Amino acid sequence: MSENSSFGTSTTRIFLGVASLGAGSYHGFCDAQGIPLPRESLESALTWGPALIQGGIGGIIGLFSGAAVGGRDDGGCAGMLGGAALGTVVVGGLGAVAGAVETLVGYGIGYAAGYLAK
């Protein structure tokens, strides 16, 4: 039996990346222009939201993937639990880092655009 796997970027990953860049860009543009954000909670959402969302989605994916890999080859219940824990931490952490970096890049782009438009 051959495995059919496709490598590449999913639509969800592209959407989350664009959303992270957009959130960072909006925040950076408003900071450069001196425009106060309408709510203080919006600033926290634009700063931490993309990383938390991508980390959460990555954690869920890592949970199921890690459990499948850990339970393979007679790993049993202990292998499934260990794989699920490791998968959640690793894939969730990578998702959070990716969201944070994309937001930071977006912030820089937005800040530069806001500074030049001033």
Protein backbone atom coordinates (compact mmCIF):
# COMPACT_ATOMS: atom_id res chain seq x y z
CA MET A 1 0.00 0.00 0.00
CA SER A 2 1.49 3.33 -0.97
CA GLU A 3 1.01 6.50 1.01
CA ASN A 4 -0.37 9.46 -0.84
CA SER A 5 0.92 12.63 0.79
CA SER A 6 1.09 16.08 -0.66
CA PHE A 7 3.55 18.63 0.49
CA GLY A 8 2.77 22.28 0.20
CA THR A 9 0.87 25.06 1.84
CA SER A 10 -2.76 24.60 2.71
CA THR A 11 -5.41 27.22 2.18
CA THR A 12 -5.90 27.50 5.93
CA ARG A 13 -2.20 28.17 6.46
CA ILE A 14 -2.20 30.86 3.77
CA PHE A 15 -5.29 32.48 5.27
CA LEU A 16 -3.81 32.48 8.77
CA GLY A 17 -0.54 33.92 7.48
CA VAL A 18 -2.28 36.74 5.63
CA ALA A 19 -4.47 37.44 8.68
CA SER A 20 -1.38 37.63 10.91
CA LEU A 21 0.38 39.99 8.50
CA GLY A 22 -2.77 42.11 8.27
CA ALA A 23 -3.22 42.34 12.03
CA GLY A 24 0.40 43.35 12.50
CA SER A 25 0.25 45.85 9.63
CA TYR A 26 -2.85 47.55 10.99
CA HIS A 27 -1.35 47.79 14.46
CA GLY A 28 1.96 49.16 13.14
CA PHE A 29 0.26 51.68 10.86
CA CYS A 30 -1.90 53.00 13.71
CA ASP A 31 1.14 53.29 15.99
CA ALA A 32 3.17 55.18 13.38
CA GLN A 33 0.32 57.58 12.65
CA GLY A 34 -0.41 58.12 16.33
CA ILE A 35 -3.96 56.81 15.90
CA PRO A 36 -5.23 55.33 19.16
CA LEU A 37 -6.91 51.98 18.72
CA PRO A 38 -10.60 52.19 19.62
CA ARG A 39 -10.32 49.70 22.47
CA GLU A 40 -7.42 48.57 24.60
CA SER A 41 -8.52 44.97 24.11
CA LEU A 42 -8.09 45.42 20.35
CA GLU A 43 -4.39 46.12 20.85
CA SER A 44 -3.98 42.87 22.79
CA ALA A 45 -5.98 40.95 20.19
CA LEU A 46 -3.88 42.31 17.32
CA THR A 47 -0.66 41.58 19.19
CA TRP A 48 -1.30 38.13 20.66
CA GLY A 49 -4.29 36.81 18.70
CA PRO A 50 -2.52 35.46 15.60
CA ALA A 51 0.08 33.57 17.64
CA LEU A 52 -2.53 32.10 19.97
CA ILE A 53 -4.83 31.03 17.13
CA GLN A 54 -2.06 29.43 15.09
CA GLY A 55 -0.61 27.78 18.18
CA GLY A 56 -4.02 26.38 19.14
CA ILE A 57 -4.70 25.00 15.69
CA GLY A 58 -1.18 23.55 15.56
CA GLY A 59 -1.70 21.98 18.98
CA ILE A 60 -4.89 20.25 17.86
CA ILE A 61 -3.22 18.95 14.71
CA GLY A 62 -0.19 17.81 16.70
CA LEU A 63 -2.43 16.06 19.24
CA PHE A 64 -4.00 13.77 16.67
CA SER A 65 -0.87 13.31 14.55
CA GLY A 66 1.28 12.55 17.57
CA ALA A 67 -1.24 10.08 18.94
CA ALA A 68 -1.35 8.27 15.59
CA VAL A 69 2.43 8.09 15.31
CA GLY A 70 2.94 7.18 18.99
CA GLY A 71 0.41 4.37 18.89
CA ARG A 72 1.87 2.85 15.76
CA ASP A 73 4.09 -0.25 15.93
CA ASP A 74 2.57 -1.59 19.16
CA GLY A 75 3.26 1.61 21.10
CA GLY A 76 0.03 0.98 22.94
CA CYS A 77 -1.73 3.48 25.12
CA ALA A 78 1.49 4.87 26.59
CA GLY A 79 2.89 5.48 23.12
CA MET A 80 -0.29 7.23 22.05
CA LEU A 81 -0.30 9.49 25.11
CA GLY A 82 3.38 10.33 24.78
CA GLY A 83 3.04 10.99 21.07
CA ALA A 84 -0.03 13.15 21.63
CA ALA A 85 1.73 15.23 24.27
CA LEU A 86 4.88 15.65 22.23
CA GLY A 87 2.94 16.41 19.05
CA THR A 88 0.85 19.03 20.81
CA VAL A 89 3.86 20.81 22.25
CA VAL A 90 5.99 20.71 19.12
CA VAL A 91 3.42 21.50 16.45
CA GLY A 92 1.55 23.96 18.67
CA GLY A 93 4.79 25.72 19.53
CA LEU A 94 5.82 25.95 15.90
CA GLY A 95 2.40 27.38 15.02
CA ALA A 96 2.68 30.00 17.75
CA VAL A 97 6.17 31.01 16.63
CA ALA A 98 5.03 31.26 13.00
CA GLY A 99 2.09 33.46 14.00
CA ALA A 100 4.31 35.70 16.12
CA VAL A 101 6.91 36.14 13.37
CA GLU A 102 4.26 36.92 10.76
CA THR A 103 2.65 39.48 13.06
CA LEU A 104 6.03 41.09 13.76
CA VAL A 105 6.86 41.31 10.05
CA GLY A 106 3.42 42.80 9.38
CA TYR A 107 3.92 45.32 12.19
CA GLY A 108 7.20 46.46 10.66
CA ILE A 109 5.65 46.84 7.23
CA GLY A 110 2.66 48.73 8.63
CA TYR A 111 4.82 50.96 10.78
CA ALA A 112 7.06 51.84 7.82
CA ALA A 113 4.02 52.59 5.65
CA GLY A 114 2.47 54.74 8.37
CA TYR A 115 5.72 56.59 8.96
CA LEU A 116 6.17 57.30 5.24
CA ALA A 117 2.55 58.42 4.89
CA LYS A 118 2.89 60.89 7.75
